[in-house]
Amino acid sequence: METLVLAEHDGKTLRRGTLCALTVARDLASRSGSKPVILLLGRELAAVRDDARRFGDVVVADHSLLARPTAERYAAVIADIIRAQGVRELVAAASTFSRDILPRVAAVVDAAMGGDVTACAAAEAERVELQRPIHAGAAMASFVLHGTPQIITVRAAAFPSAKPLPESEATCCLDWPLNADALPDRTEFVGLESRSTNRPELGEARVVVSGGRPLRSSEEFQAFVGGLADALQGAAGCTRALVDAGIAPNEWQVGQTGKVVSPELYVALGISGSVQHLAGMKNSRVIVAVNTDPDAPIFSLANYGLVGDLREIVPQLVRALAR
């Protein structure tokens, strides 16, 4: 296998970011006439393996020691596969999952690495020219990776999701043998602190409603941002100011230091539109902004703008949606 895709999943299906990474991997593999292979790591992967096989060949590392994604163990398994299979390119979504694991893999296998890629194109000598945003998206950097293996993480918002293969096209599955005694054991998973929600995952949602500094408490955030998000069957997001104030959890932050999203509809409530926040949502298809300041920078990007107090406007929107 020349091109490998590190998969993220929920135990049943592949996440959208992985399907976007697969789009890039298919393009890279086609240059050499090959096809990418999807790598699954975890425990009890039968369901997600069946889902992954709709998109291509699969390698499965299924073991109780991989039930939780600790970077130390995951990196060791991925590095072994890269060496044993002669992998030239490893592609993954640019997420907290890959940021935790893949720099360690790159160090172990001495790989060239490019992160948060938003475009790739053929360059001279069969090399690929990659692009990534810098300075909070104000400029783009173009670069070429030298040597093998190469590790590339891609911004899901910049690429379409890969489509399943035709049903007539057969795929195969390889169960990767693990030596449990050889896996690193210096790291132990203790627990996960996260705010539970029945809403869609932020990076995969069709609709995202985000709140900014005017919201003064978690109760206000849930009432206005959460209420509108639920009415639209979307995800809730926030600015860094709300995370720093303890009003919303870190995993809901949208922006340069948070998550990059590109939903069909993005609603910004009380968000002025700093460069850092815009870098995380400016590729949304439709942007609606609500702000009391008619000169707020967010209005220069918004498709629709409402000048007013979100505490008055949001309840009206929720009632209208209910009707």
C-alpha atoms as a PDB file:
ATOM      1  CA  MET A   1       0.000   0.000   0.000  1.00  0.00           C
ATOM      2  CA  GLU A   2       1.420   3.383  -1.028  1.00  0.00           C
ATOM      3  CA  THR A   3      -1.247   5.718   0.377  1.00  0.00           C
ATOM      4  CA  LEU A   4      -2.830   5.238   3.789  1.00  0.00           C
ATOM      5  CA  VAL A   5      -5.740   7.161   5.345  1.00  0.00           C
ATOM      6  CA  LEU A   6      -5.907   7.349   9.132  1.00  0.00           C
ATOM      7  CA  ALA A   7      -9.601   7.058   9.957  1.00  0.00           C
ATOM      8  CA  GLU A   8     -11.571   8.775  12.682  1.00  0.00           C
ATOM      9  CA  HIS A   9     -14.842   7.118  13.599  1.00  0.00           C
ATOM     10  CA  ASP A  10     -17.531   6.843  16.246  1.00  0.00           C
ATOM     11  CA  GLY A  11     -17.408   3.051  16.408  1.00  0.00           C
ATOM     12  CA  LYS A  12     -20.069   2.694  13.728  1.00  0.00           C
ATOM     13  CA  THR A  13     -19.277   5.000  10.816  1.00  0.00           C
ATOM     14  CA  LEU A  14     -16.409   7.060   9.444  1.00  0.00           C
ATOM     15  CA  ARG A  15     -16.422  10.740  10.355  1.00  0.00           C
ATOM     16  CA  ARG A  16     -16.878  13.369   7.678  1.00  0.00           C
ATOM     17  CA  GLY A  17     -13.318  14.643   8.100  1.00  0.00           C
ATOM     18  CA  THR A  18     -11.956  11.216   7.201  1.00  0.00           C
ATOM     19  CA  LEU A  19     -14.057  11.117   4.039  1.00  0.00           C
ATOM     20  CA  CYS A  20     -12.623  14.510   3.046  1.00  0.00           C
ATOM     21  CA  ALA A  21      -9.110  13.192   3.697  1.00  0.00           C
ATOM     22  CA  LEU A  22      -9.970  10.166   1.558  1.00  0.00           C
ATOM     23  CA  THR A  23     -10.799  12.506  -1.343  1.00  0.00           C
ATOM     24  CA  VAL A  24      -7.248  13.882  -1.184  1.00  0.00           C
ATOM     25  CA  ALA A  25      -5.754  10.417  -0.742  1.00  0.00           C
ATOM     26  CA  ARG A  26      -7.548   9.114  -3.828  1.00  0.00           C
ATOM     27  CA  ASP A  27      -6.103  11.967  -5.870  1.00  0.00           C
ATOM     28  CA  LEU A  28      -2.584  11.343  -4.564  1.00  0.00           C
ATOM     29  CA  ALA A  29      -2.804   7.581  -5.110  1.00  0.00           C
ATOM     30  CA  SER A  30      -4.158   7.961  -8.649  1.00  0.00           C
ATOM     31  CA  ARG A  31      -0.903   9.638  -9.699  1.00  0.00           C
ATOM     32  CA  SER A  32       0.857   6.290  -9.272  1.00  0.00           C
ATOM     33  CA  GLY A  33      -2.080   4.182 -10.458  1.00  0.00           C
ATOM     34  CA  SER A  34      -2.864   2.823  -6.978  1.00  0.00           C
ATOM     35  CA  LYS A  35      -5.726   3.151  -4.499  1.00  0.00           C
ATOM     36  CA  PRO A  36      -5.644   4.372  -0.898  1.00  0.00           C
ATOM     37  CA  VAL A  37      -6.149   2.047   2.045  1.00  0.00           C
ATOM     38  CA  ILE A  38      -8.145   3.055   5.143  1.00  0.00           C
ATOM     39  CA  LEU A  39      -6.596   2.363   8.553  1.00  0.00           C
ATOM     40  CA  LEU A  40      -8.910   1.702  11.510  1.00  0.00           C
ATOM     41  CA  LEU A  41      -7.649   1.565  15.089  1.00  0.00           C
ATOM     42  CA  GLY A  42      -9.661   0.856  18.203  1.00  0.00           C
ATOM     43  CA  ARG A  43     -11.744  -1.874  19.787  1.00  0.00           C
ATOM     44  CA  GLU A  44     -14.798  -3.782  18.508  1.00  0.00           C
ATOM     45  CA  LEU A  45     -14.558  -2.327  15.027  1.00  0.00           C
ATOM     46  CA  ALA A  46     -16.820  -4.712  13.105  1.00  0.00           C
ATOM     47  CA  ALA A  47     -19.489  -2.094  12.349  1.00  0.00           C
ATOM     48  CA  VAL A  48     -17.142   0.695  11.281  1.00  0.00           C
ATOM     49  CA  ARG A  49     -15.077  -1.797   9.265  1.00  0.00           C
ATOM     50  CA  ASP A  50     -18.158  -2.643   7.205  1.00  0.00           C
ATOM     51  CA  ASP A  51     -18.820   1.060   6.672  1.00  0.00           C
ATOM     52  CA  ALA A  52     -15.203   1.724   5.674  1.00  0.00           C
ATOM     53  CA  ARG A  53     -15.207  -1.105   3.132  1.00  0.00           C
ATOM     54  CA  ARG A  54     -17.815   0.823   1.148  1.00  0.00           C
ATOM     55  CA  PHE A  55     -15.018   3.305   0.388  1.00  0.00           C
ATOM     56  CA  GLY A  56     -12.001   1.066  -0.189  1.00  0.00           C
ATOM     57  CA  ASP A  57      -9.620  -1.532   1.185  1.00  0.00           C
ATOM     58  CA  VAL A  58      -9.209  -1.512   4.952  1.00  0.00           C
ATOM     59  CA  VAL A  59      -6.513  -2.388   7.495  1.00  0.00           C
ATOM     60  CA  VAL A  60      -7.897  -3.028  10.975  1.00  0.00           C
ATOM     61  CA  ALA A  61      -5.913  -2.895  14.226  1.00  0.00           C
ATOM     62  CA  ASP A  62      -8.452  -4.117  16.788  1.00  0.00           C
ATOM     63  CA  HIS A  63      -7.249  -4.640  20.356  1.00  0.00           C
ATOM     64  CA  SER A  64      -8.364  -3.836  23.893  1.00  0.00           C
ATOM     65  CA  LEU A  65      -5.195  -1.765  24.386  1.00  0.00           C
ATOM     66  CA  LEU A  66      -6.366   0.500  21.554  1.00  0.00           C
ATOM     67  CA  ALA A  67      -9.847   1.073  22.985  1.00  0.00           C
ATOM     68  CA  ARG A  68      -8.821   4.623  23.890  1.00  0.00           C
ATOM     69  CA  PRO A  69      -6.763   6.793  21.493  1.00  0.00           C
ATOM     70  CA  THR A  70      -3.576   7.343  23.483  1.00  0.00           C
ATOM     71  CA  ALA A  71      -0.966   8.928  21.222  1.00  0.00           C
ATOM     72  CA  GLU A  72       1.850   6.703  22.470  1.00  0.00           C
ATOM     73  CA  ARG A  73       0.213   3.410  21.470  1.00  0.00           C
ATOM     74  CA  TYR A  74      -1.533   4.615  18.347  1.00  0.00           C
ATOM     75  CA  ALA A  75       1.669   6.161  17.020  1.00  0.00           C
ATOM     76  CA  ALA A  76       3.586   2.924  17.608  1.00  0.00           C
ATOM     77  CA  VAL A  77       1.036   0.873  15.640  1.00  0.00           C
ATOM     78  CA  ILE A  78       0.865   3.382  12.781  1.00  0.00           C
ATOM     79  CA  ALA A  79       4.655   3.565  12.565  1.00  0.00           C
ATOM     80  CA  ASP A  80       4.896  -0.238  12.383  1.00  0.00           C
ATOM     81  CA  ILE A  81       2.396  -0.336   9.515  1.00  0.00           C
ATOM     82  CA  ILE A  82       4.199   2.435   7.627  1.00  0.00           C
ATOM     83  CA  ARG A  83       7.503   0.570   7.872  1.00  0.00           C
ATOM     84  CA  ALA A  84       6.120  -2.899   7.126  1.00  0.00           C
ATOM     85  CA  GLN A  85       3.951  -1.860   4.179  1.00  0.00           C
ATOM     86  CA  GLY A  86       6.244   0.749   2.641  1.00  0.00           C
ATOM     87  CA  VAL A  87       3.668   3.518   2.944  1.00  0.00           C
ATOM     88  CA  ARG A  88       4.677   6.633   1.014  1.00  0.00           C
ATOM     89  CA  GLU A  89       1.837   8.940   2.068  1.00  0.00           C
ATOM     90  CA  LEU A  90      -0.319   9.004   5.172  1.00  0.00           C
ATOM     91  CA  VAL A  91      -3.335  11.321   4.954  1.00  0.00           C
ATOM     92  CA  ALA A  92      -5.702  12.334   7.753  1.00  0.00           C
ATOM     93  CA  ALA A  93      -8.115  15.076   8.694  1.00  0.00           C
ATOM     94  CA  ALA A  94      -6.583  18.063  10.503  1.00  0.00           C
ATOM     95  CA  SER A  95      -8.279  17.478  13.865  1.00  0.00           C
ATOM     96  CA  THR A  96      -7.384  17.270  17.531  1.00  0.00           C
ATOM     97  CA  PHE A  97      -7.136  13.505  17.066  1.00  0.00           C
ATOM     98  CA  SER A  98      -4.498  13.714  14.346  1.00  0.00           C
ATOM     99  CA  ARG A  99      -2.661  16.642  15.961  1.00  0.00           C
ATOM    100  CA  ASP A 100      -2.179  14.493  19.044  1.00  0.00           C
ATOM    101  CA  ILE A 101      -0.903  11.413  17.215  1.00  0.00           C
ATOM    102  CA  LEU A 102       0.687  12.206  13.863  1.00  0.00           C
ATOM    103  CA  PRO A 103       3.552  14.518  14.921  1.00  0.00           C
ATOM    104  CA  ARG A 104       4.757  11.628  17.079  1.00  0.00           C
ATOM    105  CA  VAL A 105       4.447   9.262  14.109  1.00  0.00           C
ATOM    106  CA  ALA A 106       6.410  11.686  11.930  1.00  0.00           C
ATOM    107  CA  ALA A 107       9.203  11.798  14.494  1.00  0.00           C
ATOM    108  CA  VAL A 108       9.331   8.003  14.860  1.00  0.00           C
ATOM    109  CA  VAL A 109       9.508   7.247  11.116  1.00  0.00           C
ATOM    110  CA  ASP A 110      11.419  10.429  10.173  1.00  0.00           C
ATOM    111  CA  ALA A 111       8.622  11.608   7.878  1.00  0.00           C
ATOM    112  CA  ALA A 112       8.126  14.936   6.136  1.00  0.00           C
ATOM    113  CA  MET A 113       4.891  16.468   7.407  1.00  0.00           C
ATOM    114  CA  GLY A 114       2.497  19.141   6.184  1.00  0.00           C
ATOM    115  CA  GLY A 115      -0.477  20.146   8.311  1.00  0.00           C
ATOM    116  CA  ASP A 116      -3.840  21.850   7.785  1.00  0.00           C
ATOM    117  CA  VAL A 117      -3.595  21.609   3.991  1.00  0.00           C
ATOM    118  CA  THR A 118      -6.359  23.289   1.992  1.00  0.00           C
ATOM    119  CA  ALA A 119      -5.188  22.573  -1.578  1.00  0.00           C
ATOM    120  CA  CYS A 120      -2.860  20.244  -3.443  1.00  0.00           C
ATOM    121  CA  ALA A 121      -1.727  20.226  -7.053  1.00  0.00           C
ATOM    122  CA  ALA A 122       0.833  18.423  -9.197  1.00  0.00           C
ATOM    123  CA  ALA A 123       4.289  19.981  -9.159  1.00  0.00           C
ATOM    124  CA  GLU A 124       7.495  19.252 -11.043  1.00  0.00           C
ATOM    125  CA  ALA A 125       9.284  15.895 -10.779  1.00  0.00           C
ATOM    126  CA  GLU A 126       6.053  14.101  -9.767  1.00  0.00           C
ATOM    127  CA  ARG A 127       5.935  16.039  -6.527  1.00  0.00           C
ATOM    128  CA  VAL A 128       2.805  17.564  -5.036  1.00  0.00           C
ATOM    129  CA  GLU A 129       2.542  21.232  -4.142  1.00  0.00           C
ATOM    130  CA  LEU A 130       0.510  21.823  -1.004  1.00  0.00           C
ATOM    131  CA  GLN A 131      -1.095  24.974   0.330  1.00  0.00           C
ATOM    132  CA  ARG A 132      -2.058  25.953   3.843  1.00  0.00           C
ATOM    133  CA  PRO A 133      -3.358  29.194   5.385  1.00  0.00           C
ATOM    134  CA  ILE A 134      -1.057  31.301   7.552  1.00  0.00           C
ATOM    135  CA  HIS A 135      -1.501  34.491   9.589  1.00  0.00           C
ATOM    136  CA  ALA A 136      -5.078  33.552  10.538  1.00  0.00           C
ATOM    137  CA  GLY A 137      -5.986  32.927   6.910  1.00  0.00           C
ATOM    138  CA  ALA A 138      -4.747  36.298   5.682  1.00  0.00           C
ATOM    139  CA  ALA A 139      -2.168  34.606   3.419  1.00  0.00           C
ATOM    140  CA  MET A 140      -1.518  31.212   1.849  1.00  0.00           C
ATOM    141  CA  ALA A 141       1.767  29.328   2.001  1.00  0.00           C
ATOM    142  CA  SER A 142       2.749  26.935  -0.814  1.00  0.00           C
ATOM    143  CA  PHE A 143       5.259  24.180  -0.112  1.00  0.00           C
ATOM    144  CA  VAL A 144       6.512  20.814  -1.330  1.00  0.00           C
ATOM    145  CA  LEU A 145       7.433  17.885   0.911  1.00  0.00           C
ATOM    146  CA  HIS A 146      10.705  16.074   0.208  1.00  0.00           C
ATOM    147  CA  GLY A 147      11.519  12.442   0.954  1.00  0.00           C
ATOM    148  CA  THR A 148       9.333   9.577   2.147  1.00  0.00           C
ATOM    149  CA  PRO A 149       7.233   8.800   4.002  1.00  0.00           C
ATOM    150  CA  GLN A 150       5.094  11.910   3.930  1.00  0.00           C
ATOM    151  CA  ILE A 151       2.307  12.768   6.375  1.00  0.00           C
ATOM    152  CA  ILE A 152      -0.406  15.211   5.311  1.00  0.00           C
ATOM    153  CA  THR A 153      -3.344  16.462   7.349  1.00  0.00           C
ATOM    154  CA  VAL A 154      -6.090  18.247   5.432  1.00  0.00           C
ATOM    155  CA  ARG A 155      -8.675  20.798   6.464  1.00  0.00           C
ATOM    156  CA  ALA A 156     -11.977  19.027   5.949  1.00  0.00           C
ATOM    157  CA  ALA A 157     -13.763  22.268   5.093  1.00  0.00           C
ATOM    158  CA  ALA A 158     -11.629  22.634   1.963  1.00  0.00           C
ATOM    159  CA  PHE A 159     -12.450  19.288   0.321  1.00  0.00           C
ATOM    160  CA  PRO A 160     -15.638  17.381  -0.550  1.00  0.00           C
ATOM    161  CA  SER A 161     -16.480  14.084   1.097  1.00  0.00           C
ATOM    162  CA  ALA A 162     -15.459  10.964  -0.814  1.00  0.00           C
ATOM    163  CA  LYS A 163     -18.268   8.947  -2.340  1.00  0.00           C
ATOM    164  CA  PRO A 164     -18.668   5.190  -1.755  1.00  0.00           C
ATOM    165  CA  LEU A 165     -17.312   2.874  -4.420  1.00  0.00           C
ATOM    166  CA  PRO A 166     -19.733   1.148  -6.803  1.00  0.00           C
ATOM    167  CA  GLU A 167     -21.331  -1.907  -5.171  1.00  0.00           C
ATOM    168  CA  SER A 168     -19.823  -4.091  -7.880  1.00  0.00           C
ATOM    169  CA  GLU A 169     -16.269  -3.123  -6.827  1.00  0.00           C
ATOM    170  CA  ALA A 170     -14.920  -5.597  -4.287  1.00  0.00           C
ATOM    171  CA  THR A 171     -12.774  -4.476  -1.349  1.00  0.00           C
ATOM    172  CA  CYS A 172     -10.599  -6.449   1.027  1.00  0.00           C
ATOM    173  CA  CYS A 173      -9.849  -6.224   4.747  1.00  0.00           C
ATOM    174  CA  LEU A 174      -6.557  -6.998   6.493  1.00  0.00           C
ATOM    175  CA  ASP A 175      -6.496  -7.646  10.246  1.00  0.00           C
ATOM    176  CA  TRP A 176      -3.211  -6.239  11.473  1.00  0.00           C
ATOM    177  CA  PRO A 177      -1.438  -8.535  13.991  1.00  0.00           C
ATOM    178  CA  LEU A 178      -0.494  -6.751  17.218  1.00  0.00           C
ATOM    179  CA  ASN A 179       2.148  -7.730  19.743  1.00  0.00           C
ATOM    180  CA  ALA A 180       0.564  -6.470  22.946  1.00  0.00           C
ATOM    181  CA  ASP A 181       3.795  -6.895  24.919  1.00  0.00           C
ATOM    182  CA  ALA A 182       5.621  -4.567  22.520  1.00  0.00           C
ATOM    183  CA  LEU A 183       3.122  -1.715  22.785  1.00  0.00           C
ATOM    184  CA  PRO A 184       4.250   1.244  24.919  1.00  0.00           C
ATOM    185  CA  ASP A 185       2.615   1.375  28.342  1.00  0.00           C
ATOM    186  CA  ARG A 186       3.922   4.614  29.842  1.00  0.00           C
ATOM    187  CA  THR A 187       0.617   6.414  29.221  1.00  0.00           C
ATOM    188  CA  GLU A 188      -2.689   5.456  30.806  1.00  0.00           C
ATOM    189  CA  PHE A 189      -6.097   6.790  29.818  1.00  0.00           C
ATOM    190  CA  VAL A 190      -7.737   8.144  32.970  1.00  0.00           C
ATOM    191  CA  GLY A 191     -10.880   9.868  31.746  1.00  0.00           C
ATOM    192  CA  LEU A 192     -12.505  12.298  29.350  1.00  0.00           C
ATOM    193  CA  GLU A 193     -14.056  15.586  30.442  1.00  0.00           C
ATOM    194  CA  SER A 194     -16.591  16.711  27.896  1.00  0.00           C
ATOM    195  CA  ARG A 195     -20.007  18.339  27.987  1.00  0.00           C
ATOM    196  CA  SER A 196     -22.528  15.809  26.728  1.00  0.00           C
ATOM    197  CA  THR A 197     -24.979  16.926  24.064  1.00  0.00           C
ATOM    198  CA  ASN A 198     -27.507  15.415  21.690  1.00  0.00           C
ATOM    199  CA  ARG A 199     -26.558  17.889  18.969  1.00  0.00           C
ATOM    200  CA  PRO A 200     -24.467  16.998  15.888  1.00  0.00           C
ATOM    201  CA  GLU A 201     -20.677  17.100  16.146  1.00  0.00           C
ATOM    202  CA  LEU A 202     -19.463  20.628  15.452  1.00  0.00           C
ATOM    203  CA  GLY A 203     -17.168  19.805  12.540  1.00  0.00           C
ATOM    204  CA  GLU A 204     -19.792  17.704  10.763  1.00  0.00           C
ATOM    205  CA  ALA A 205     -22.986  19.687  11.343  1.00  0.00           C
ATOM    206  CA  ARG A 206     -25.070  21.098   8.489  1.00  0.00           C
ATOM    207  CA  VAL A 207     -26.004  24.082  10.666  1.00  0.00           C
ATOM    208  CA  VAL A 208     -23.842  25.794  13.311  1.00  0.00           C
ATOM    209  CA  VAL A 209     -25.049  28.483  15.720  1.00  0.00           C
ATOM    210  CA  SER A 210     -22.249  30.287  17.582  1.00  0.00           C
ATOM    211  CA  GLY A 211     -22.332  32.813  20.404  1.00  0.00           C
ATOM    212  CA  GLY A 212     -19.927  35.533  21.425  1.00  0.00           C
ATOM    213  CA  ARG A 213     -18.967  37.877  24.252  1.00  0.00           C
ATOM    214  CA  PRO A 214     -22.444  39.374  25.035  1.00  0.00           C
ATOM    215  CA  LEU A 215     -23.466  36.026  26.575  1.00  0.00           C
ATOM    216  CA  ARG A 216     -22.586  36.261  30.267  1.00  0.00           C
ATOM    217  CA  SER A 217     -23.356  32.776  31.615  1.00  0.00           C
ATOM    218  CA  SER A 218     -23.740  29.135  30.657  1.00  0.00           C
ATOM    219  CA  GLU A 219     -27.487  29.497  31.191  1.00  0.00           C
ATOM    220  CA  GLU A 220     -27.672  32.346  28.680  1.00  0.00           C
ATOM    221  CA  PHE A 221     -25.550  30.400  26.226  1.00  0.00           C
ATOM    222  CA  GLN A 222     -27.820  27.372  26.415  1.00  0.00           C
ATOM    223  CA  ALA A 223     -30.973  29.487  26.248  1.00  0.00           C
ATOM    224  CA  PHE A 224     -30.046  31.518  23.174  1.00  0.00           C
ATOM    225  CA  VAL A 225     -27.327  29.647  21.259  1.00  0.00           C
ATOM    226  CA  GLY A 226     -28.481  26.197  22.314  1.00  0.00           C
ATOM    227  CA  GLY A 227     -32.142  27.057  21.805  1.00  0.00           C
ATOM    228  CA  LEU A 228     -31.637  28.290  18.251  1.00  0.00           C
ATOM    229  CA  ALA A 229     -29.269  25.405  17.449  1.00  0.00           C
ATOM    230  CA  ASP A 230     -31.911  22.911  18.607  1.00  0.00           C
ATOM    231  CA  ALA A 231     -34.597  24.657  16.579  1.00  0.00           C
ATOM    232  CA  LEU A 232     -32.398  24.349  13.487  1.00  0.00           C
ATOM    233  CA  GLN A 233     -31.219  20.827  14.392  1.00  0.00           C
ATOM    234  CA  GLY A 234     -27.659  22.123  14.365  1.00  0.00           C
ATOM    235  CA  ALA A 235     -24.531  22.269  16.503  1.00  0.00           C
ATOM    236  CA  ALA A 236     -23.583  24.918  19.039  1.00  0.00           C
ATOM    237  CA  GLY A 237     -20.310  26.842  18.735  1.00  0.00           C
ATOM    238  CA  CYS A 238     -18.633  29.741  20.488  1.00  0.00           C
ATOM    239  CA  THR A 239     -15.740  32.185  20.457  1.00  0.00           C
ATOM    240  CA  ARG A 240     -12.578  31.845  22.501  1.00  0.00           C
ATOM    241  CA  ALA A 241     -13.823  34.492  24.936  1.00  0.00           C
ATOM    242  CA  LEU A 242     -16.607  32.169  26.104  1.00  0.00           C
ATOM    243  CA  VAL A 243     -14.211  29.262  26.503  1.00  0.00           C
ATOM    244  CA  ASP A 244     -11.797  31.375  28.538  1.00  0.00           C
ATOM    245  CA  ALA A 245     -14.691  32.518  30.739  1.00  0.00           C
ATOM    246  CA  GLY A 246     -15.796  28.927  31.362  1.00  0.00           C
ATOM    247  CA  ILE A 247     -19.169  29.536  29.739  1.00  0.00           C
ATOM    248  CA  ALA A 248     -18.726  26.970  26.945  1.00  0.00           C
ATOM    249  CA  PRO A 249     -16.399  23.950  26.568  1.00  0.00           C
ATOM    250  CA  ASN A 250     -13.225  24.060  24.516  1.00  0.00           C
ATOM    251  CA  GLU A 251     -14.502  21.531  21.981  1.00  0.00           C
ATOM    252  CA  TRP A 252     -17.185  24.027  20.894  1.00  0.00           C
ATOM    253  CA  GLN A 253     -14.732  26.798  19.998  1.00  0.00           C
ATOM    254  CA  VAL A 254     -14.728  27.948  16.378  1.00  0.00           C
ATOM    255  CA  GLY A 255     -11.714  29.809  15.046  1.00  0.00           C
ATOM    256  CA  GLN A 256      -8.000  29.766  14.418  1.00  0.00           C
ATOM    257  CA  THR A 257      -7.242  28.076  17.758  1.00  0.00           C
ATOM    258  CA  GLY A 258     -10.468  26.045  17.721  1.00  0.00           C
ATOM    259  CA  LYS A 259     -12.283  24.121  15.023  1.00  0.00           C
ATOM    260  CA  VAL A 260     -12.659  25.089  11.385  1.00  0.00           C
ATOM    261  CA  VAL A 261     -16.205  24.561  10.118  1.00  0.00           C
ATOM    262  CA  SER A 262     -17.940  25.018   6.775  1.00  0.00           C
ATOM    263  CA  PRO A 263     -21.636  24.267   7.321  1.00  0.00           C
ATOM    264  CA  GLU A 264     -24.444  25.104   4.937  1.00  0.00           C
ATOM    265  CA  LEU A 265     -25.655  27.709   7.462  1.00  0.00           C
ATOM    266  CA  TYR A 266     -23.599  29.542  10.095  1.00  0.00           C
ATOM    267  CA  VAL A 267     -25.392  31.842  12.541  1.00  0.00           C
ATOM    268  CA  ALA A 268     -23.168  34.247  14.505  1.00  0.00           C
ATOM    269  CA  LEU A 269     -24.878  35.663  17.611  1.00  0.00           C
ATOM    270  CA  GLY A 270     -23.146  38.617  19.226  1.00  0.00           C
ATOM    271  CA  ILE A 271     -19.858  37.887  17.449  1.00  0.00           C
ATOM    272  CA  SER A 272     -17.943  40.946  16.287  1.00  0.00           C
ATOM    273  CA  GLY A 273     -15.853  39.043  13.746  1.00  0.00           C
ATOM    274  CA  SER A 274     -12.209  38.995  14.804  1.00  0.00           C
ATOM    275  CA  VAL A 275      -9.713  37.703  12.257  1.00  0.00           C
ATOM    276  CA  GLN A 276      -9.113  34.630  14.427  1.00  0.00           C
ATOM    277  CA  HIS A 277     -12.801  33.698  14.492  1.00  0.00           C
ATOM    278  CA  LEU A 278     -13.381  34.404  10.812  1.00  0.00           C
ATOM    279  CA  ALA A 279     -10.551  32.018   9.959  1.00  0.00           C
ATOM    280  CA  GLY A 280     -12.653  29.199  11.401  1.00  0.00           C
ATOM    281  CA  MET A 281     -15.967  29.825   9.641  1.00  0.00           C
ATOM    282  CA  LYS A 282     -15.527  32.073   6.594  1.00  0.00           C
ATOM    283  CA  ASN A 283     -16.023  29.177   4.175  1.00  0.00           C
ATOM    284  CA  SER A 284     -19.589  28.548   5.377  1.00  0.00           C
ATOM    285  CA  ARG A 285     -22.096  28.545   2.526  1.00  0.00           C
ATOM    286  CA  VAL A 286     -24.528  31.030   4.127  1.00  0.00           C
ATOM    287  CA  ILE A 287     -23.610  33.293   7.060  1.00  0.00           C
ATOM    288  CA  VAL A 288     -26.184  35.095   9.201  1.00  0.00           C
ATOM    289  CA  ALA A 289     -24.963  37.652  11.767  1.00  0.00           C
ATOM    290  CA  VAL A 290     -26.809  39.233  14.682  1.00  0.00           C
ATOM    291  CA  ASN A 291     -25.032  42.120  16.434  1.00  0.00           C
ATOM    292  CA  THR A 292     -25.909  45.424  18.066  1.00  0.00           C
ATOM    293  CA  ASP A 293     -22.973  47.138  16.331  1.00  0.00           C
ATOM    294  CA  PRO A 294     -23.794  47.945  12.690  1.00  0.00           C
ATOM    295  CA  ASP A 295     -20.068  48.393  11.992  1.00  0.00           C
ATOM    296  CA  ALA A 296     -19.035  44.978  13.331  1.00  0.00           C
ATOM    297  CA  PRO A 297     -16.566  43.265  10.942  1.00  0.00           C
ATOM    298  CA  ILE A 298     -18.764  40.147  10.820  1.00  0.00           C
ATOM    299  CA  PHE A 299     -21.277  42.051   8.642  1.00  0.00           C
ATOM    300  CA  SER A 300     -18.701  42.418   5.859  1.00  0.00           C
ATOM    301  CA  LEU A 301     -18.675  38.636   5.517  1.00  0.00           C
ATOM    302  CA  ALA A 302     -22.312  37.846   6.290  1.00  0.00           C
ATOM    303  CA  ASN A 303     -24.892  37.080   3.615  1.00  0.00           C
ATOM    304  CA  TYR A 304     -27.621  38.338   5.954  1.00  0.00           C
ATOM    305  CA  GLY A 305     -27.240  40.710   8.880  1.00  0.00           C
ATOM    306  CA  LEU A 306     -29.586  41.705  11.708  1.00  0.00           C
ATOM    307  CA  VAL A 307     -28.661  44.759  13.766  1.00  0.00           C
ATOM    308  CA  GLY A 308     -30.140  44.254  17.211  1.00  0.00           C
ATOM    309  CA  ASP A 309     -29.952  42.515  20.569  1.00  0.00           C
ATOM    310  CA  LEU A 310     -29.694  38.748  20.263  1.00  0.00           C
ATOM    311  CA  ARG A 311     -31.815  38.438  23.445  1.00  0.00           C
ATOM    312  CA  GLU A 312     -34.717  39.951  21.541  1.00  0.00           C
ATOM    313  CA  ILE A 313     -34.085  38.521  18.086  1.00  0.00           C
ATOM    314  CA  VAL A 314     -33.326  34.872  18.928  1.00  0.00           C
ATOM    315  CA  PRO A 315     -36.650  34.181  20.723  1.00  0.00           C
ATOM    316  CA  GLN A 316     -38.473  35.609  17.698  1.00  0.00           C
ATOM    317  CA  LEU A 317     -36.495  33.338  15.363  1.00  0.00           C
ATOM    318  CA  VAL A 318     -37.203  30.285  17.525  1.00  0.00           C
ATOM    319  CA  ARG A 319     -40.937  31.063  17.612  1.00  0.00           C
ATOM    320  CA  ALA A 320     -40.990  31.591  13.843  1.00  0.00           C
ATOM    321  CA  LEU A 321     -39.208  28.264  13.264  1.00  0.00           C
ATOM    322  CA  ALA A 322     -41.650  26.512  15.577  1.00  0.00           C
ATOM    323  CA  ARG A 323     -44.532  27.764  13.431  1.00  0.00           C
END
